[in-house]
Protein backbone atom coordinates (compact mmCIF):
# COMPACT_ATOMS: atom_id res chain seq x y z
CA MET A 1 0.00 0.00 0.00
CA LEU A 2 1.49 3.33 -1.05
CA TRP A 3 1.22 6.29 1.30
CA LYS A 4 -0.78 9.17 -0.10
CA PRO A 5 -0.75 12.50 1.73
CA SER A 6 -4.03 14.10 2.73
CA PRO A 7 -4.97 17.30 0.86
CA ASN A 8 -3.88 19.42 3.83
CA TYR A 9 -0.70 17.46 4.59
CA GLY A 10 2.15 19.70 5.69
CA ARG A 11 -0.02 22.85 5.86
CA ALA A 12 -1.40 22.61 9.40
CA THR A 13 0.73 25.17 11.25
CA HIS A 14 -2.16 27.17 12.75
CA PHE A 15 -4.30 25.84 15.57
CA PRO A 16 -7.91 26.65 16.30
CA GLY A 17 -8.14 29.03 19.23
CA ARG A 18 -5.34 30.47 21.30
CA GLY A 19 -6.41 29.29 24.72
CA PRO A 20 -4.14 27.75 27.37
CA GLU A 21 -4.34 24.33 25.65
CA SER A 22 -3.14 25.57 22.25
CA PRO A 23 0.34 24.72 20.92
CA ASP A 24 0.57 28.28 19.54
CA GLU A 25 -0.03 29.58 23.06
CA TRP A 26 2.54 27.22 24.62
CA ILE A 27 5.13 28.42 22.13
CA ARG A 28 4.30 32.08 22.78
CA ARG A 29 4.52 31.62 26.54
CA ALA A 30 7.77 29.65 26.29
CA GLU A 31 9.46 32.28 24.16
CA ALA A 32 8.53 34.92 26.75
CA ASP A 33 9.71 32.85 29.72
CA SER A 34 13.08 33.54 31.38
CA ARG A 35 13.51 29.83 32.29
CA PHE A 36 13.23 28.92 28.61
CA ARG A 37 15.87 31.48 27.65
CA GLU A 38 18.12 30.19 30.43
CA VAL A 39 17.95 26.53 29.35
CA HIS A 40 18.34 27.63 25.73
CA ALA A 41 21.65 29.31 26.59
CA ARG A 42 22.84 26.29 28.55
CA PHE A 43 21.73 24.01 25.70
CA GLU A 44 23.95 25.94 23.30
CA GLU A 45 26.83 25.72 25.77
CA ALA A 46 26.40 21.94 26.11
CA GLY A 47 26.75 21.38 22.35
CA VAL A 48 23.93 18.83 22.11
CA LEU A 49 23.77 17.26 18.65
CA ASN A 50 20.22 17.93 17.49
CA TRP A 51 17.98 18.91 14.60
CA LEU A 52 15.46 21.07 16.51
CA THR A 53 14.03 24.29 15.15
CA GLU A 54 13.45 27.20 17.49
CA ARG A 55 9.68 26.57 17.48
CA GLU A 56 10.22 22.91 18.35
CA LYS A 57 12.35 23.88 21.34
CA ALA A 58 9.62 26.23 22.52
CA LEU A 59 6.91 23.63 21.89
CA HIS A 60 8.68 21.01 24.03
CA PHE A 61 9.30 23.48 26.86
CA GLY A 62 5.80 24.91 26.64
CA ILE A 63 3.84 21.65 26.55
CA ALA A 64 5.77 20.34 29.57
CA ALA A 65 5.44 23.60 31.48
CA PHE A 66 2.00 24.94 30.61
CA SER A 67 -0.30 22.12 29.50
CA SER A 68 -2.78 20.81 32.06
CA GLY A 69 -2.01 17.80 34.22
CA SER A 70 0.58 16.83 36.81
CA GLY A 71 3.62 16.98 34.54
CA ILE A 72 4.22 13.29 33.70
CA VAL A 73 5.99 13.38 30.32
CA VAL A 74 7.39 10.37 28.43
CA GLU A 75 9.90 10.65 25.61
CA LEU A 76 10.56 7.63 23.36
CA GLY A 77 13.89 8.12 21.63
CA THR A 78 16.31 10.50 23.32
CA PHE A 79 19.65 10.29 21.47
CA GLU A 80 21.87 12.99 23.04
CA GLY A 81 18.91 14.75 24.64
CA GLY A 82 17.89 17.50 22.18
CA ALA A 83 14.17 17.52 22.94
CA ALA A 84 14.69 16.04 26.41
CA MET A 85 16.53 19.11 27.71
CA PHE A 86 13.55 21.36 26.88
CA LEU A 87 10.92 18.87 28.03
CA ALA A 88 12.70 18.43 31.36
CA ALA A 89 13.21 22.18 31.69
CA GLY A 90 9.48 22.63 31.13
CA VAL A 91 8.71 20.12 33.88
CA ALA A 92 11.11 21.99 36.17
CA ARG A 93 9.34 25.26 35.31
CA ARG A 94 6.04 23.63 36.29
CA GLY A 95 7.61 22.55 39.57
CA GLN A 96 6.14 19.04 39.63
CA GLY A 97 6.18 15.84 37.58
CA ARG A 98 9.10 14.30 35.70
CA LEU A 99 10.38 13.45 32.26
CA VAL A 100 10.67 9.69 31.69
CA SER A 101 13.35 9.27 29.02
CA VAL A 102 13.28 5.90 27.21
CA ASP A 103 16.13 4.94 24.88
CA PRO A 104 18.63 2.04 24.61
CA HIS A 105 21.30 4.71 23.96
CA PHE A 106 23.18 2.68 21.36
CA GLY A 107 22.98 5.44 18.75
CA GLY A 108 20.52 3.28 16.82
CA PRO A 109 18.60 0.00 17.09
CA PRO A 110 20.78 -2.50 19.00
CA TRP A 111 20.21 -5.23 16.39
CA LEU A 112 22.24 -3.13 13.90
CA GLY A 113 25.38 -3.77 15.95
CA MET A 114 26.21 -0.15 16.75
CA ALA A 115 29.86 0.55 17.62
CA THR A 116 30.89 1.57 21.13
CA HIS A 117 31.64 5.18 20.17
CA GLN A 118 28.02 5.63 19.04
CA ARG A 119 26.55 5.02 22.48
CA THR A 120 24.88 8.16 23.77
CA PHE A 121 24.04 7.49 27.42
CA ALA A 122 27.06 9.26 28.95
CA LYS A 123 26.61 12.25 26.64
CA PHE A 124 22.93 12.49 27.52
CA LEU A 125 23.64 12.58 31.26
CA ALA A 126 26.40 15.15 30.78
CA HIS A 127 24.09 17.38 28.75
CA ALA A 128 21.38 17.09 31.42
CA ASP A 129 23.90 18.24 34.04
CA VAL A 130 25.01 21.25 31.97
CA CYS A 131 21.38 22.23 31.34
CA GLY A 132 20.56 21.85 35.04
CA VAL A 133 17.66 19.42 34.51
CA ARG A 134 19.13 16.08 35.63
CA GLU A 135 17.00 15.84 38.80
CA TRP A 136 13.80 16.09 36.72
CA ILE A 137 14.63 13.14 34.45
CA ASP A 138 13.80 9.48 35.14
CA VAL A 139 16.13 7.62 32.77
CA ARG A 140 15.02 4.23 31.43
CA VAL A 141 17.80 2.64 29.35
CA GLY A 142 15.92 0.05 27.33
CA ASP A 143 13.35 -0.79 24.69
CA SER A 144 10.15 1.26 24.79
CA SER A 145 7.77 -1.72 24.63
CA ALA A 146 9.59 -3.41 27.53
CA VAL A 147 9.40 -0.22 29.61
CA ALA A 148 5.70 0.13 28.71
CA ALA A 149 5.06 -3.43 29.94
CA VAL A 150 6.16 -2.51 33.47
CA TRP A 151 4.72 1.00 33.54
CA PRO A 152 2.81 1.61 36.80
CA ALA A 153 -0.88 2.51 36.77
CA GLU A 154 -0.04 6.19 36.35
CA PRO A 155 -1.69 8.39 33.69
CA ILE A 156 0.65 10.22 31.32
CA ASP A 157 0.12 13.87 30.35
CA VAL A 158 2.39 13.94 27.28
CA VAL A 159 4.13 11.26 25.23
CA PHE A 160 6.66 12.25 22.56
CA ILE A 161 7.30 9.48 19.98
CA ASP A 162 10.71 9.86 18.33
CA GLY A 163 12.22 6.36 18.34
CA ASP A 164 11.99 3.66 15.68
CA HIS A 165 10.72 5.45 12.55
CA SER A 166 9.62 2.32 10.67
CA TYR A 167 5.89 1.68 10.30
CA LEU A 168 5.85 -1.24 12.74
CA GLY A 169 8.29 0.41 15.14
CA ALA A 170 6.33 3.64 15.41
CA LEU A 171 3.04 1.70 15.53
CA ARG A 172 4.34 -0.36 18.44
CA ASP A 173 5.33 2.80 20.32
CA PHE A 174 1.92 4.34 19.66
CA GLU A 175 0.03 1.18 20.64
CA CYS A 176 2.09 0.70 23.80
CA TRP A 177 1.94 4.28 25.06
CA ALA A 178 -1.06 6.18 23.63
CA PRO A 179 -3.57 4.21 25.79
CA LYS A 180 -1.63 5.30 28.89
CA VAL A 181 -2.16 8.99 28.10
CA ARG A 182 -5.01 10.49 30.13
CA PRO A 183 -8.06 11.92 28.33
CA GLY A 184 -7.13 15.46 27.35
CA GLY A 185 -3.42 14.59 27.31
CA TRP A 186 -1.12 14.94 24.33
CA ILE A 187 0.67 12.66 21.85
CA LEU A 188 3.48 14.12 19.73
CA ILE A 189 5.08 12.27 16.80
CA ASP A 190 8.32 13.70 15.42
CA ASP A 191 9.51 13.91 11.80
CA ALA A 192 5.93 14.08 10.56
CA ASP A 193 6.95 16.12 7.50
CA ASP A 194 9.97 14.11 6.39
CA THR A 195 9.22 12.66 2.95
CA ALA A 196 12.22 10.34 3.34
CA LEU A 197 10.15 8.43 5.93
CA PRO A 198 7.11 7.27 3.92
CA GLU A 199 6.22 4.49 6.39
CA LEU A 200 6.10 6.93 9.30
CA LEU A 201 4.04 9.42 7.30
CA GLU A 202 1.62 6.66 6.33
CA LEU A 203 1.18 5.71 9.98
CA ILE A 204 0.51 9.31 10.98
CA GLU A 205 -2.19 9.58 8.32
CA GLU A 206 -3.77 6.39 9.69
CA VAL A 207 -3.56 7.57 13.30
CA LYS A 208 -5.67 10.57 12.23
CA THR A 209 -8.54 8.12 11.61
CA ILE A 210 -8.46 6.62 15.13
CA SER A 211 -11.36 7.63 17.31
CA GLY A 212 -9.31 7.75 20.51
CA VAL A 213 -7.18 10.71 19.38
CA ALA A 214 -7.80 14.00 17.55
CA TYR A 215 -5.28 15.55 15.19
CA VAL A 216 -4.52 19.14 16.20
CA GLY A 217 -1.83 20.18 13.74
CA LEU A 218 1.83 20.27 12.73
CA VAL A 219 4.58 22.29 14.40
CA ASP A 220 7.78 22.31 12.37
CA GLY A 221 7.57 18.56 11.70
CA VAL A 222 5.96 17.51 15.00
CA ALA A 223 2.45 16.07 14.61
CA VAL A 224 0.32 17.03 17.61
CA PHE A 225 -2.60 14.83 18.70
CA ARG A 226 -4.92 15.21 21.68
CA ARG A 227 -6.12 12.13 23.55
CA GLY A 228 -9.91 11.84 23.47
CA GLU A 229 -12.38 10.41 25.93
CA ALA A 230 -12.57 6.98 24.23
CA PRO A 231 -11.39 4.21 26.60
CA PRO A 232 -8.07 2.50 25.90
CA GLN A 233 -9.87 -0.64 24.68
CA ARG A 234 -11.55 1.36 21.91
CA LEU A 235 -8.27 2.96 20.89
CA LEU A 236 -6.54 -0.44 20.73
CA ALA A 237 -9.43 -1.92 18.74
CA ASP A 238 -9.10 0.90 16.22
CA VAL A 239 -5.35 0.26 15.90
CA SER A 240 -6.01 -3.43 15.28
CA ALA A 241 -8.67 -2.62 12.69
CA LEU A 242 -6.47 -0.23 10.73
CA THR A 243 -3.60 -2.73 10.52
CA GLN A 244 -6.03 -5.39 9.33
CA ARG A 245 -7.24 -3.06 6.58
CA ARG A 246 -3.64 -2.43 5.63
CA GLY A 247 -2.84 -6.12 5.65
CA SER A 248 -0.03 -5.67 8.18
CA ILE A 249 1.15 -8.34 10.58
CA ARG A 250 1.93 -6.93 13.99
CA PRO A 251 4.55 -9.43 15.20
CA TRP A 252 3.47 -9.01 18.82
CA ASP A 253 -0.02 -10.21 17.84
CA MET A 254 0.10 -14.00 17.50
CA SER A 255 -3.59 -14.46 16.68
CA PRO A 256 -2.94 -14.96 12.91
CA ILE A 257 -1.20 -18.24 13.77
CA HIS A 258 -4.51 -19.63 15.01
CA GLU A 259 -5.96 -19.19 11.54
CA MET A 260 -3.37 -21.54 10.04
CA THR A 261 -3.91 -25.26 9.62
CA LEU A 262 -1.38 -28.06 9.47
CA PRO A 263 -0.48 -29.12 5.92
CA ALA A 264 -1.48 -32.54 4.64
CA SER A 265 2.16 -33.64 4.70
CA TYR A 266 2.27 -33.50 8.52
CA GLN A 267 3.05 -37.00 9.88
CA GLN A 268 2.86 -38.45 6.36
CA SER A 269 6.21 -40.20 6.81
CA CYS A 270 6.41 -40.24 10.60
CA PRO A 271 7.34 -43.71 11.85
CA GLN A 272 4.58 -45.30 13.87
CA SER A 273 6.16 -45.65 17.28
CA HIS A 274 4.85 -45.91 20.79
CA GLU A 275 8.12 -44.69 22.28
CA PRO A 276 7.27 -41.90 24.75
CA GLY A 277 8.27 -38.55 23.27
CA GLU A 278 8.90 -39.59 19.68
CA ALA A 279 5.71 -37.95 18.36
CA ASP A 280 6.64 -34.77 20.26
CA ALA A 281 10.13 -34.79 18.78
CA TYR A 282 8.72 -35.11 15.27
CA GLN A 283 6.24 -32.28 15.91
CA LEU A 284 8.95 -29.91 17.15
CA ALA A 285 11.25 -30.71 14.23
CA PHE A 286 8.45 -30.28 11.69
CA LEU A 287 7.26 -26.94 13.08
CA VAL A 288 10.59 -25.46 14.20
CA LYS A 289 10.74 -21.67 13.76
CA SER A 290 14.25 -21.30 12.42
CA GLN A 291 16.27 -19.83 9.64
CA PRO A 292 16.77 -22.17 6.65
CA GLY A 293 19.15 -25.09 7.07
CA ILE A 294 19.52 -28.82 6.60
CA TYR A 295 18.08 -31.62 8.73
CA GLY A 296 21.01 -33.48 10.24
CA TYR A 297 21.70 -36.53 12.38
CA THR A 298 24.92 -38.11 13.59
CA PRO A 299 25.90 -41.79 13.30
CA ALA A 300 26.25 -41.96 17.07
CA ALA A 301 22.58 -41.02 17.51
CA GLY A 302 21.54 -44.37 16.04
CA GLY A 303 18.86 -45.63 13.68
CA ARG A 304 15.98 -43.95 15.50
CA ALA A 305 17.51 -40.53 14.73
CA ASN A 306 18.03 -41.52 11.10
CA ARG A 307 14.38 -42.53 10.64
CA LEU A 308 12.88 -39.53 12.44
CA ILE A 309 15.03 -36.86 10.75
CA ARG A 310 14.48 -38.35 7.28
CA ALA A 311 10.72 -38.45 7.89
CA VAL A 312 10.70 -34.77 8.90
CA ALA A 313 12.79 -33.73 5.89
CA ILE A 314 10.53 -35.63 3.49
CA ASP A 315 7.35 -34.21 5.00
CA ARG A 316 8.69 -30.66 5.16
CA GLY A 317 10.12 -30.78 1.66
CA ASP A 318 12.35 -27.74 2.16
CA GLY A 319 15.75 -29.29 2.81
CA PRO A 320 17.67 -32.57 2.75
CA ALA A 321 18.30 -35.01 5.58
CA ILE A 322 22.06 -35.51 5.96
CA GLN A 323 24.22 -37.74 8.11
CA LEU A 324 26.58 -35.31 9.80
CA ASN A 325 30.32 -35.71 10.13
CA PRO A 326 31.20 -34.29 13.57
CA CYS A 327 34.43 -32.93 12.08
CA THR A 328 32.74 -31.02 9.23
CA PRO A 329 30.42 -28.24 10.44
CA GLN A 330 27.11 -27.73 8.61
CA THR A 331 24.37 -25.10 8.87
CA CYS A 332 21.50 -27.04 10.40
CA LYS A 333 17.87 -26.29 11.11
CA VAL A 334 17.45 -29.50 13.15
CA ILE A 335 20.10 -31.81 14.60
CA PHE A 336 19.60 -35.20 16.25
CA CYS A 337 22.83 -36.19 18.00
CA ALA A 338 24.17 -38.32 20.83
CA LEU A 339 24.29 -36.90 24.31
CA ASP A 340 28.08 -36.44 24.35
CA GLU A 341 27.87 -34.47 21.08
CA VAL A 342 25.51 -31.78 22.35
CA ALA A 343 28.18 -29.21 23.26
CA ASN A 344 29.79 -29.40 19.82
CA MET A 345 26.66 -29.74 17.69
CA SER A 346 24.71 -26.88 19.29
CA SER A 347 26.95 -24.34 17.55
CA TRP A 348 25.94 -25.75 14.16
CA LEU A 349 22.32 -24.73 14.59
CA THR A 350 20.85 -21.68 12.91
CA PRO A 351 19.24 -19.18 15.31
CA GLY A 352 16.01 -20.77 16.47
CA GLY A 353 17.22 -24.21 15.37
CA LEU A 354 16.30 -27.37 17.29
CA LEU A 355 18.63 -29.96 18.84
CA LEU A 356 17.34 -33.43 19.79
CA THR A 357 19.11 -36.06 21.82
CA LEU A 358 18.36 -39.21 23.82
CA ASP A 359 19.03 -39.84 27.46
CA PRO A 360 20.60 -43.30 27.63
CA GLY A 361 20.30 -43.33 31.41
CA ASN A 362 17.54 -44.60 33.67
CA LEU A 363 15.10 -41.73 32.84
CA SER A 364 15.16 -40.62 36.47
CA HIS A 365 14.53 -37.05 37.50
CA GLU A 366 18.20 -36.65 38.38
CA SER A 367 19.27 -37.92 34.96
CA SER A 368 16.85 -35.63 33.11
CA THR A 369 18.00 -32.64 35.17
CA SER A 370 21.62 -33.43 34.31
CA VAL A 371 20.83 -33.52 30.58
CA ARG A 372 18.92 -30.25 30.84
CA ARG A 373 21.87 -28.62 32.59
CA MET A 374 24.17 -29.85 29.83
CA MET A 375 21.93 -28.35 27.13
CA LEU A 376 21.70 -25.02 28.94
CA ASP A 377 25.50 -24.93 29.24
CA ALA A 378 25.66 -25.53 25.48
CA GLY A 379 23.75 -22.29 24.86
CA LEU A 380 20.36 -23.88 24.28
CA GLU A 381 17.10 -22.68 25.81
CA GLY A 382 13.49 -23.80 25.94
CA CYS A 383 14.86 -27.20 26.96
CA GLY A 384 12.38 -29.95 27.66
CA TRP A 385 11.89 -33.70 27.52
CA VAL A 386 9.33 -36.47 27.16
CA GLY A 387 10.48 -39.98 27.89
CA ALA A 388 14.06 -40.39 26.70
CA PHE A 389 13.84 -37.52 24.20
CA HIS A 390 15.41 -34.18 25.15
CA TRP A 391 15.42 -31.00 23.10
CA GLY A 392 16.63 -27.43 23.20
CA VAL A 393 16.63 -24.42 20.90
CA ARG A 394 19.59 -22.27 19.99
CA ARG A 395 19.02 -18.80 21.41
CA PRO A 396 17.54 -16.83 18.51
CA PHE A 397 19.59 -13.66 18.90
CA SER A 398 19.20 -12.67 15.25
CA LEU A 399 15.54 -13.66 14.94
CA SER A 400 13.30 -10.61 15.00
CA ALA A 401 9.67 -10.93 16.00
CA GLU A 402 8.78 -10.38 12.34
CA ALA A 403 11.00 -13.31 11.36
CA VAL A 404 9.36 -15.61 13.91
CA ILE A 405 5.98 -14.87 12.33
CA GLU A 406 7.35 -15.49 8.83
CA TYR A 407 9.02 -18.77 9.80
CA THR A 408 5.86 -19.90 11.56
CA LYS A 409 3.85 -19.21 8.43
CA THR A 410 6.41 -21.18 6.40
CA ALA A 411 6.30 -24.07 8.86
CA TYR A 412 2.56 -24.36 8.41
CA CYS A 413 2.70 -23.91 4.64
CA PRO A 414 5.55 -25.97 3.16
CA PRO A 415 6.13 -26.19 -0.63
CA LYS A 416 3.33 -27.86 -2.54
CA GLU A 417 5.67 -30.32 -4.22
CA ILE A 418 6.37 -32.89 -1.49
CA PRO A 419 8.98 -35.54 -2.42
CA GLN A 420 7.66 -39.06 -2.33
CA ARG A 421 8.96 -41.30 0.39
CA GLU A 422 11.55 -43.77 -0.84
């Protein structure tokens, strides 16, 4: 779906009325305030890397200082603290409340592997000290959705969204935080006039259709929304409805998986066995949510491993079953190996890949616990067992939530051409 701007896109710089709850009025009052001029001078002295216009600086100070409420302001995406210095200074001018600053401070999304010199946490704290606002800032170094999950039952007066600018990233921030804003509170979304961010601009246009918020206007690239009286449940239902119309998968919503059915090839070649756990092992191997790879087994794992892995590979139809040489590493989606091979073989798995092994012991609780400990030490998680079968999953560091959804869809919908069993 291509984003198409509304007829008035980019033109809304005037706001109806000039009462105390008008962005124009906040800006006017900020520009006339000695505290604003003081923090502005300190801000220049601190040398904060930023892209703020003068009106944006005044908007952030003014909304934190002069809007109604108790002064609870949340900023998602802080970087070196450009907007944060003025938001916190506004809270200080009000004399109550706090700025909750949420950012991993890696200089970018942590999954991009940002270098050490790009980390911004120390700079942010230093800038807050120079600007004299450190005591008004509650710093949360982390992901915004994780911070939202543990947010206390405390209404928010203002939330400023300036983190992940992708469609799903900004949508997640909006969905996590907008329902926490009190009726009459404010939601600001930055970079709302940047044509280099079509996904973000598309989201902003869609947010304008949600009944729980009302679009007020645009201030130098900041889209201003006011939280309506609609309950959070209504707002969330509207968000869900708009993504369904768009055909988007929100990776934190797992309900689409329930609409999928198992393909006809499931258990087509599975050996009929009454061994406890064998059916579970087959199920896990067939439905594993992993990056692509081969299905492997080692000679030491025995004939049972050979039969089960070959059955899974035939029924999945998306990779070969191979007998592994412990001295020749392979990229594997599933591995069935002997217990003493677990430590070595676990490193061959793709992120999210599955390792199976058998406990040759007496199947006692102590024996199963020992095997589980071994698999954890090998870097596997989600470890479990039924009967003599034990399994673990390689920690999926490089698997995004989006990828988990995609791999799950693939697991349920293998290629139509299924090789015939030999």
